[in-house]
């Protein structure tokens, strides 16, 4: 189990020499990912190396246009490219919804050879899904170290107020100019840190899924992610000062985490129940016409909330798990549908249930999972014991000035409590929270989050 990371002379980040025994197919990322100071000036030459055509659509919002979009458009025009500018203008931060996706789609022309995104998460995602649908290359100009999605192929979008995930394309060229990235507000830096810290939970849940459901766990992806997270925690002072080195370390952590999606073909290494909580907050705030919190900030706060539950479960006396009590408390299909309507409201609930039929478990499957958890509890405990203490994560976030509570994210107590109860229901992906519920222990471990 090993991998290597290095930079080429032209600032291209290279990951390779992947050695893993998990048995899964591993892709060596073929994207051109450039990280360094002042490198946006090379955008035309980077694109020329790929041999794309000469006509492109450049997508930015009204903030990133002023930050970098206008300059990139000028550089491309000077480099001999024909640029159609699509500046998505909003009074509030742009949401990656069907309207934004449509604006990009309608900007494409018959001769468009590639699309350029200038922004962070939302802009990247609305371009990514269009690049996939139109089968066009994407060039991504990052503007903030706020999330790990630059190297992802999965698009978190909002459709009719519901948070959905759609397949996109990982950009073929990603340019993260540290001189641009370090100008991002500290809130966006903290968002990136929160997104990285959530990987502790994602990796733990993936290992638990391996124990309970025989999911294939990829050691090399796990190692890449954990190395990135630990390097971040070891350099908090540099990140807080927004030095070039600190922002480059954070940017690398986000890029490397996202690259595991390309390597293994799914998001298991980077997102689990902590992301479910964050997506729930974002989705429900939008449904009720409230401003959603920044994604990475929500992930960081959710990590602070779910980590103590993991630690508490490591002390569980498995001999006291009562299968009959668990069976008595389980929700049969009609009851579960009613619960989903209550937790997610009708439109979102129906969309989630349609995409996650596997969550309607038979009793036989639930009992099998419970029996596996009891018989292999020592392995589950060992996974949890590898997690850092909550105080270490809390200290790091406080040191950086991150949002620390749901209230800081604009989430009230009722929504917070409900999110902890329904995070397990957002997708079929296995989590410790599913295990706790399937063992009939939800009220015990989530008693701090009562719902009426």
Protein backbone atom coordinates (compact mmCIF):
# COMPACT_ATOMS: atom_id res chain seq x y z
CA UNK A 1 0.00 0.00 0.00
CA UNK A 2 1.71 3.19 -1.17
CA UNK A 3 1.47 6.25 -3.40
CA UNK A 4 3.65 9.17 -4.41
CA UNK A 5 3.07 12.90 -4.79
CA UNK A 6 5.32 15.32 -6.62
CA UNK A 7 5.30 18.47 -8.76
CA UNK A 8 6.55 18.77 -12.32
CA UNK A 9 8.65 21.81 -13.33
CA UNK A 10 5.51 23.56 -14.64
CA UNK A 11 3.68 23.25 -11.26
CA UNK A 12 1.61 20.21 -12.18
CA UNK A 13 0.60 18.13 -9.14
CA UNK A 14 1.18 14.46 -9.84
CA UNK A 15 -0.08 11.50 -7.85
CA UNK A 16 1.03 8.03 -8.88
CA UNK A 17 2.80 4.80 -8.01
CA UNK A 18 -0.47 3.53 -6.55
CA UNK A 19 0.01 0.19 -4.83
CA UNK A 20 -3.01 -1.32 -3.07
CA UNK A 21 -4.30 -4.79 -2.30
CA UNK A 22 -8.00 -3.92 -1.89
CA UNK A 23 -8.87 -5.61 -5.18
CA UNK A 24 -10.68 -2.64 -6.71
CA UNK A 25 -9.72 -1.08 -10.00
CA UNK A 26 -7.68 2.07 -9.42
CA UNK A 27 -7.49 4.91 -11.89
CA UNK A 28 -4.38 7.03 -12.00
CA UNK A 29 -5.73 10.60 -12.37
CA UNK A 30 -4.99 11.93 -15.84
CA UNK A 31 -6.07 15.49 -15.09
CA UNK A 32 -3.65 18.39 -15.40
CA UNK A 33 -3.76 19.90 -11.90
CA UNK A 34 -1.59 22.98 -11.44
CA UNK A 35 -0.89 24.55 -8.05
CA UNK A 36 1.41 27.52 -7.44
CA UNK A 37 1.73 31.29 -7.27
CA UNK A 38 1.14 33.38 -10.38
CA UNK A 39 0.30 30.40 -12.55
CA UNK A 40 -3.03 31.71 -13.87
CA UNK A 41 -0.95 33.70 -16.33
CA UNK A 42 -0.16 30.39 -18.02
CA UNK A 43 -3.80 29.46 -18.64
CA UNK A 44 -3.56 29.67 -22.43
CA UNK A 45 -0.44 27.52 -22.62
CA UNK A 46 -1.93 24.95 -20.23
CA UNK A 47 -4.99 24.65 -22.49
CA UNK A 48 -2.86 24.54 -25.64
CA UNK A 49 -1.10 21.43 -24.30
CA UNK A 50 -4.44 19.63 -24.42
CA UNK A 51 -5.07 20.65 -28.01
CA UNK A 52 -8.61 21.90 -27.53
CA UNK A 53 -10.36 24.11 -30.08
CA UNK A 54 -10.30 27.89 -30.01
CA UNK A 55 -13.83 28.70 -28.83
CA UNK A 56 -14.94 28.51 -25.20
CA UNK A 57 -17.60 29.62 -22.74
CA UNK A 58 -16.23 31.17 -19.55
CA UNK A 59 -18.53 30.91 -16.52
CA UNK A 60 -18.23 33.01 -13.37
CA UNK A 61 -20.57 34.69 -10.93
CA UNK A 62 -20.58 38.41 -10.23
CA UNK A 63 -18.05 37.96 -7.41
CA UNK A 64 -15.56 35.64 -9.09
CA UNK A 65 -15.82 37.64 -12.31
CA UNK A 66 -14.26 40.64 -10.59
CA UNK A 67 -11.82 38.46 -8.65
CA UNK A 68 -10.37 36.51 -11.57
CA UNK A 69 -12.91 35.95 -14.35
CA UNK A 70 -12.34 39.18 -16.22
CA UNK A 71 -8.56 38.67 -16.14
CA UNK A 72 -8.81 35.07 -17.31
CA UNK A 73 -11.08 36.14 -20.17
CA UNK A 74 -8.51 38.76 -21.20
CA UNK A 75 -5.68 36.22 -21.00
CA UNK A 76 -7.58 33.74 -23.17
CA UNK A 77 -8.51 36.39 -25.72
CA UNK A 78 -4.88 37.51 -25.87
CA UNK A 79 -3.92 33.86 -26.34
CA UNK A 80 -6.09 33.61 -29.46
CA UNK A 81 -9.24 32.07 -27.98
CA UNK A 82 -12.80 33.21 -28.71
CA UNK A 83 -14.52 33.65 -25.33
CA UNK A 84 -18.25 33.76 -24.63
CA UNK A 85 -18.72 35.19 -21.14
CA UNK A 86 -21.48 33.76 -18.93
CA UNK A 87 -21.56 35.79 -15.72
CA UNK A 88 -24.25 34.48 -13.39
CA UNK A 89 -25.41 37.50 -11.39
CA UNK A 90 -27.16 37.14 -8.05
CA UNK A 91 -27.83 39.47 -5.12
CA UNK A 92 -27.00 36.63 -2.71
CA UNK A 93 -24.39 33.88 -3.08
CA UNK A 94 -25.18 31.80 -6.17
CA UNK A 95 -26.89 28.47 -5.63
CA UNK A 96 -26.01 25.53 -7.92
CA UNK A 97 -29.64 25.09 -8.95
CA UNK A 98 -31.54 24.39 -12.14
CA UNK A 99 -31.57 28.10 -13.06
CA UNK A 100 -27.80 28.43 -12.88
CA UNK A 101 -27.34 25.15 -14.75
CA UNK A 102 -29.71 26.42 -17.43
CA UNK A 103 -27.84 29.71 -17.83
CA UNK A 104 -24.66 27.82 -18.62
CA UNK A 105 -26.44 25.40 -20.94
CA UNK A 106 -27.96 28.26 -22.96
CA UNK A 107 -24.56 29.94 -23.29
CA UNK A 108 -23.10 26.97 -25.17
CA UNK A 109 -22.80 27.32 -28.93
CA UNK A 110 -22.40 24.75 -31.70
CA UNK A 111 -18.69 25.57 -31.96
CA UNK A 112 -17.97 25.62 -28.21
CA UNK A 113 -14.87 23.48 -27.72
CA UNK A 114 -14.52 23.68 -23.93
CA UNK A 115 -15.95 25.40 -20.85
CA UNK A 116 -13.98 27.42 -18.32
CA UNK A 117 -15.27 27.72 -14.74
CA UNK A 118 -13.95 30.52 -12.52
CA UNK A 119 -15.01 29.99 -8.93
CA UNK A 120 -15.18 27.43 -6.16
CA UNK A 121 -17.87 24.87 -5.34
CA UNK A 122 -21.08 26.18 -6.87
CA UNK A 123 -19.61 27.43 -10.13
CA UNK A 124 -17.51 24.31 -10.56
CA UNK A 125 -20.55 22.06 -10.09
CA UNK A 126 -22.90 23.86 -12.48
CA UNK A 127 -20.20 23.77 -15.16
CA UNK A 128 -19.25 20.18 -14.36
CA UNK A 129 -22.77 18.85 -14.96
CA UNK A 130 -23.03 20.81 -18.23
CA UNK A 131 -19.63 19.56 -19.38
CA UNK A 132 -20.85 16.01 -18.81
CA UNK A 133 -24.13 16.52 -20.65
CA UNK A 134 -22.50 18.35 -23.57
CA UNK A 135 -19.45 16.06 -23.61
CA UNK A 136 -17.08 19.03 -23.48
CA UNK A 137 -13.78 19.43 -21.63
CA UNK A 138 -13.76 21.68 -18.57
CA UNK A 139 -11.01 24.01 -17.42
CA UNK A 140 -11.41 24.95 -13.76
CA UNK A 141 -9.87 28.10 -12.28
CA UNK A 142 -10.15 27.78 -8.49
CA UNK A 143 -10.74 30.94 -6.48
CA UNK A 144 -10.97 29.70 -2.88
CA UNK A 145 -9.75 26.73 -0.80
CA UNK A 146 -13.28 26.20 0.44
CA UNK A 147 -14.20 22.62 -0.58
CA UNK A 148 -12.79 19.41 -2.06
CA UNK A 149 -14.93 19.35 -5.17
CA UNK A 150 -12.45 20.71 -7.71
CA UNK A 151 -11.24 17.17 -8.42
CA UNK A 152 -14.62 15.47 -8.04
CA UNK A 153 -16.87 14.07 -10.73
CA UNK A 154 -19.99 14.23 -8.53
CA UNK A 155 -22.14 17.38 -8.57
CA UNK A 156 -24.12 18.36 -5.45
CA UNK A 157 -26.94 20.43 -6.94
CA UNK A 158 -30.30 21.81 -5.88
CA UNK A 159 -33.31 20.85 -7.96
CA UNK A 160 -36.74 22.21 -7.00
CA UNK A 161 -35.36 22.89 -3.54
CA UNK A 162 -34.05 19.35 -3.06
CA UNK A 163 -30.35 18.59 -2.64
CA UNK A 164 -29.41 16.02 -5.28
CA UNK A 165 -26.21 14.45 -6.63
CA UNK A 166 -25.64 14.09 -10.35
CA UNK A 167 -22.76 12.69 -12.31
CA UNK A 168 -20.48 15.26 -13.90
CA UNK A 169 -16.98 15.32 -15.30
CA UNK A 170 -13.86 16.01 -13.37
CA UNK A 171 -12.28 19.04 -15.05
CA UNK A 172 -9.46 18.03 -17.38
CA UNK A 173 -7.46 21.09 -16.31
CA UNK A 174 -7.52 22.53 -12.79
CA UNK A 175 -5.57 25.70 -11.99
CA UNK A 176 -5.25 26.78 -8.36
CA UNK A 177 -3.24 29.99 -8.30
CA UNK A 178 -2.24 30.50 -4.67
CA UNK A 179 -2.08 34.27 -5.18
CA UNK A 180 -5.81 34.14 -5.95
CA UNK A 181 -6.72 31.44 -3.44
CA UNK A 182 -5.15 33.26 -0.49
CA UNK A 183 -7.34 36.32 -1.08
CA UNK A 184 -10.43 34.29 -0.18
CA UNK A 185 -12.21 35.47 2.98
CA UNK A 186 -11.24 33.62 6.15
CA UNK A 187 -14.77 32.20 6.26
CA UNK A 188 -14.06 30.33 3.01
CA UNK A 189 -10.71 29.13 4.33
CA UNK A 190 -12.51 27.82 7.43
CA UNK A 191 -15.05 26.16 5.14
CA UNK A 192 -12.24 24.29 3.43
CA UNK A 193 -10.82 23.24 6.78
CA UNK A 194 -14.24 21.98 7.91
CA UNK A 195 -14.62 19.95 4.72
CA UNK A 196 -11.21 18.33 5.30
CA UNK A 197 -11.85 17.56 8.98
CA UNK A 198 -15.03 15.71 8.05
CA UNK A 199 -12.87 13.08 6.34
CA UNK A 200 -12.16 11.49 9.73
CA UNK A 201 -15.83 10.47 9.92
CA UNK A 202 -16.01 9.46 6.25
CA UNK A 203 -13.07 7.07 6.57
CA UNK A 204 -14.39 5.59 9.84
CA UNK A 205 -17.82 4.96 8.31
CA UNK A 206 -16.24 3.37 5.24
CA UNK A 207 -14.28 0.98 7.45
CA UNK A 208 -17.43 0.16 9.42
CA UNK A 209 -19.25 -0.50 6.15
CA UNK A 210 -16.44 -2.91 5.30
CA UNK A 211 -16.91 -4.73 8.62
CA UNK A 212 -20.71 -4.94 8.49
CA UNK A 213 -21.48 -5.21 4.77
CA UNK A 214 -18.19 -6.45 3.27
CA UNK A 215 -17.75 -3.22 1.33
CA UNK A 216 -14.38 -3.02 -0.35
CA UNK A 217 -12.22 -0.60 1.64
CA UNK A 218 -9.35 0.97 -0.28
CA UNK A 219 -6.31 1.37 1.95
CA UNK A 220 -4.45 3.66 -0.40
CA UNK A 221 -7.38 6.09 -0.71
CA UNK A 222 -7.76 6.03 3.06
CA UNK A 223 -4.07 6.79 3.48
CA UNK A 224 -4.13 9.67 0.98
CA UNK A 225 -7.05 11.28 2.81
CA UNK A 226 -5.66 10.77 6.30
CA UNK A 227 -2.23 12.07 5.32
CA UNK A 228 -3.90 15.21 3.95
CA UNK A 229 -5.99 15.74 7.09
CA UNK A 230 -3.07 15.22 9.45
CA UNK A 231 -0.85 17.59 7.47
CA UNK A 232 -3.55 20.24 7.78
CA UNK A 233 -3.75 19.84 11.55
CA UNK A 234 0.02 20.10 11.79
CA UNK A 235 0.06 23.50 10.04
CA UNK A 236 -2.78 25.49 11.59
CA UNK A 237 -0.68 28.61 12.22
CA UNK A 238 0.25 28.85 8.54
CA UNK A 239 -3.38 28.41 7.53
CA UNK A 240 -4.63 31.00 10.01
CA UNK A 241 -2.14 33.56 8.70
CA UNK A 242 -3.21 32.72 5.12
CA UNK A 243 0.41 32.51 4.11
CA UNK A 244 1.21 31.16 0.67
CA UNK A 245 2.46 27.96 2.28
CA UNK A 246 -0.60 27.57 4.49
CA UNK A 247 -3.07 28.09 1.66
CA UNK A 248 -1.09 25.73 -0.57
CA UNK A 249 -1.20 23.04 2.12
CA UNK A 250 -4.95 23.47 2.54
CA UNK A 251 -5.46 23.49 -1.24
CA UNK A 252 -3.42 20.31 -1.59
CA UNK A 253 -5.43 18.63 1.18
CA UNK A 254 -8.66 19.45 -0.63
CA UNK A 255 -7.35 18.41 -4.05
CA UNK A 256 -5.85 15.15 -2.81
CA UNK A 257 -9.05 14.24 -0.97
CA UNK A 258 -11.04 14.87 -4.11
CA UNK A 259 -8.59 12.89 -6.22
CA UNK A 260 -9.54 9.73 -4.33
CA UNK A 261 -12.92 10.01 -6.05
CA UNK A 262 -11.17 9.67 -9.41
CA UNK A 263 -8.94 6.86 -8.14
CA UNK A 264 -11.69 4.65 -6.70
CA UNK A 265 -14.74 5.91 -8.62
CA UNK A 266 -16.96 7.02 -5.71
CA UNK A 267 -17.06 9.48 -2.79
CA UNK A 268 -16.81 7.00 0.07
CA UNK A 269 -13.46 8.37 1.28
CA UNK A 270 -14.63 11.96 1.51
CA UNK A 271 -18.27 12.09 2.60
CA UNK A 272 -20.54 10.27 5.01
CA UNK A 273 -22.97 11.10 7.80
CA UNK A 274 -21.29 14.45 8.57
CA UNK A 275 -21.98 15.50 4.98
CA UNK A 276 -25.54 14.20 5.26
CA UNK A 277 -26.15 16.56 8.19
CA UNK A 278 -24.65 19.46 6.23
CA UNK A 279 -26.66 18.69 3.08
CA UNK A 280 -29.82 18.46 5.18
CA UNK A 281 -29.26 21.91 6.67
CA UNK A 282 -28.59 23.40 3.23
CA UNK A 283 -31.61 21.69 1.68
CA UNK A 284 -34.09 22.58 4.41
CA UNK A 285 -32.95 26.20 4.62
CA UNK A 286 -33.47 26.54 0.87
CA UNK A 287 -36.89 24.87 1.08
CA UNK A 288 -37.92 27.46 3.64
CA UNK A 289 -36.42 30.36 1.69
CA UNK A 290 -33.59 30.93 4.13
CA UNK A 291 -29.96 31.47 3.30
CA UNK A 292 -28.14 28.12 3.54
CA UNK A 293 -24.88 27.87 5.48
CA UNK A 294 -21.57 27.46 3.68
CA UNK A 295 -21.11 23.77 2.94
CA UNK A 296 -17.67 23.19 4.46
CA UNK A 297 -18.57 25.19 7.55
CA UNK A 298 -21.60 22.96 8.03
CA UNK A 299 -19.45 19.85 7.59
CA UNK A 300 -17.04 21.09 10.26
CA UNK A 301 -19.82 21.76 12.76
CA UNK A 302 -21.51 18.45 11.94
CA UNK A 303 -18.20 16.68 12.54
CA UNK A 304 -18.08 18.22 16.02
CA UNK A 305 -21.59 16.90 16.63
CA UNK A 306 -21.23 13.33 15.36
CA UNK A 307 -17.70 12.57 16.61
CA UNK A 308 -18.77 12.28 20.29
CA UNK A 309 -21.44 9.77 19.25
CA UNK A 310 -18.74 7.60 17.67
CA UNK A 311 -16.61 7.81 20.81
CA UNK A 312 -19.57 6.94 23.04
CA UNK A 313 -20.46 3.91 20.91
CA UNK A 314 -16.94 2.54 21.38
CA UNK A 315 -17.92 1.97 25.02
CA UNK A 316 -21.09 0.04 24.16
CA UNK A 317 -21.68 -3.22 26.02
CA UNK A 318 -22.76 -5.30 23.04
CA UNK A 319 -24.15 -8.02 25.28
CA UNK A 320 -26.94 -5.59 26.14
CA UNK A 321 -28.08 -5.12 22.54
CA UNK A 322 -31.55 -6.65 22.47
CA UNK A 323 -32.62 -7.87 19.01
CA UNK A 324 -36.25 -8.15 20.06
CA UNK A 325 -36.30 -4.57 21.32
CA UNK A 326 -34.67 -3.50 18.07
CA UNK A 327 -37.33 -5.36 16.11
CA UNK A 328 -40.09 -3.75 18.14
CA UNK A 329 -38.72 -0.27 17.44
CA UNK A 330 -38.08 -0.73 13.71
CA UNK A 331 -40.16 1.15 11.19
CA UNK A 332 -41.97 -0.94 8.63
CA UNK A 333 -42.39 0.55 5.15
CA UNK A 334 -45.57 2.63 5.81
CA UNK A 335 -44.11 4.03 9.05
CA UNK A 336 -40.79 4.79 7.43
CA UNK A 337 -42.46 6.63 4.55
CA UNK A 338 -44.38 8.69 7.10
CA UNK A 339 -41.11 9.46 8.93
CA UNK A 340 -39.39 10.49 5.70
CA UNK A 341 -42.22 12.87 4.87
CA UNK A 342 -41.93 14.40 8.30
CA UNK A 343 -38.15 14.72 8.24
CA UNK A 344 -37.57 15.81 4.64
CA UNK A 345 -41.00 17.08 3.56
CA UNK A 346 -42.85 15.56 0.65
CA UNK A 347 -40.83 16.53 -2.43
CA UNK A 348 -37.42 15.83 -0.94
CA UNK A 349 -38.62 12.66 0.80
CA UNK A 350 -39.97 11.15 -2.40
CA UNK A 351 -36.76 11.98 -4.30
CA UNK A 352 -34.57 10.47 -1.59
CA UNK A 353 -36.67 7.31 -1.25
CA UNK A 354 -36.70 6.81 -5.02
CA UNK A 355 -32.89 6.91 -5.12
CA UNK A 356 -32.38 4.85 -1.95
CA UNK A 357 -34.71 1.86 -2.08
CA UNK A 358 -32.05 -0.13 -0.24
CA UNK A 359 -32.90 1.67 2.97
CA UNK A 360 -36.18 -0.25 3.24
CA UNK A 361 -34.51 -3.13 5.06
CA UNK A 362 -36.09 -6.48 5.70
CA UNK A 363 -35.92 -7.68 9.30
CA UNK A 364 -33.65 -10.51 8.19
CA UNK A 365 -31.10 -8.06 6.78
CA UNK A 366 -31.35 -5.80 9.82
CA UNK A 367 -30.77 -8.79 12.10
CA UNK A 368 -27.79 -9.89 10.02
CA UNK A 369 -26.19 -6.49 10.39
CA UNK A 370 -26.85 -6.45 14.11
CA UNK A 371 -25.36 -9.91 14.57
CA UNK A 372 -22.29 -8.89 12.56
CA UNK A 373 -21.84 -5.78 14.70
CA UNK A 374 -22.00 -7.84 17.89
CA UNK A 375 -19.63 -10.54 16.67
CA UNK A 376 -17.08 -8.09 15.28
CA UNK A 377 -17.47 -5.26 17.76
CA UNK A 378 -13.76 -5.28 18.64
CA UNK A 379 -12.99 -4.30 15.03
CA UNK A 380 -15.56 -1.48 15.12
CA UNK A 381 -14.13 -0.23 18.41
CA UNK A 382 -10.62 -0.25 16.93
CA UNK A 383 -11.82 1.94 14.04
CA UNK A 384 -13.38 4.43 16.43
CA UNK A 385 -10.34 4.45 18.68
CA UNK A 386 -8.28 5.66 15.70
CA UNK A 387 -10.38 8.82 15.53
CA UNK A 388 -9.00 11.94 17.22
CA UNK A 389 -10.59 13.15 20.41
CA UNK A 390 -13.34 15.72 19.83
CA UNK A 391 -11.32 18.27 21.82
CA UNK A 392 -8.56 18.22 19.17
CA UNK A 393 -10.96 19.01 16.35
CA UNK A 394 -12.73 21.65 18.44
CA UNK A 395 -9.43 23.28 19.38
CA UNK A 396 -8.28 23.45 15.76
CA UNK A 397 -11.53 24.98 14.56
CA UNK A 398 -11.62 27.51 17.40
CA UNK A 399 -7.99 28.47 16.72
CA UNK A 400 -8.89 29.29 13.11
CA UNK A 401 -12.06 31.17 14.02
CA UNK A 402 -14.38 28.65 12.38
CA UNK A 403 -18.09 28.45 13.04
CA UNK A 404 -18.53 26.13 16.00
CA UNK A 405 -22.25 25.51 16.49
CA UNK A 406 -25.38 24.98 14.39
CA UNK A 407 -26.54 28.42 15.55
CA UNK A 408 -23.37 29.91 14.04
CA UNK A 409 -24.52 28.35 10.74
CA UNK A 410 -28.00 29.84 11.10
CA UNK A 411 -29.54 26.49 12.06
CA UNK A 412 -32.07 26.50 14.88
CA UNK A 413 -32.39 23.85 17.57
CA UNK A 414 -35.37 22.07 16.03
CA UNK A 415 -33.65 21.69 12.65
CA UNK A 416 -30.41 20.66 14.32
CA UNK A 417 -32.10 17.94 16.37
CA UNK A 418 -34.03 16.62 13.39
CA UNK A 419 -30.86 16.53 11.27
CA UNK A 420 -29.13 14.24 13.74
CA UNK A 421 -32.08 11.87 13.66
CA UNK A 422 -32.52 11.75 9.88
CA UNK A 423 -28.90 12.01 8.69
CA UNK A 424 -28.85 8.21 8.42
CA UNK A 425 -31.77 8.37 5.99
CA UNK A 426 -30.28 10.72 3.41
CA UNK A 427 -28.67 7.93 1.38
CA UNK A 428 -28.17 4.16 1.49
CA UNK A 429 -24.44 4.50 2.22
CA UNK A 430 -23.70 2.66 5.46
CA UNK A 431 -22.82 4.70 8.55
CA UNK A 432 -22.43 4.20 12.27
CA UNK A 433 -25.69 6.14 12.65
CA UNK A 434 -27.48 3.46 10.63
CA UNK A 435 -25.96 0.80 12.86
CA UNK A 436 -27.07 2.59 16.01
CA UNK A 437 -30.61 2.89 14.67
CA UNK A 438 -30.72 -0.72 13.46
CA UNK A 439 -29.66 -1.90 16.93
CA UNK A 440 -32.54 0.05 18.49
CA UNK A 441 -30.13 2.45 20.24
CA UNK A 442 -30.93 5.75 18.58
CA UNK A 443 -32.78 7.24 21.54
CA UNK A 444 -29.89 6.29 23.80
CA UNK A 445 -27.09 7.83 21.75
CA UNK A 446 -29.03 10.79 20.42
CA UNK A 447 -30.83 11.75 23.60
CA UNK A 448 -29.19 15.18 23.41
CA UNK A 449 -31.19 15.77 20.21
CA UNK A 450 -34.85 15.24 21.16
CA UNK A 451 -37.62 15.72 18.60
CA UNK A 452 -41.24 16.30 19.44
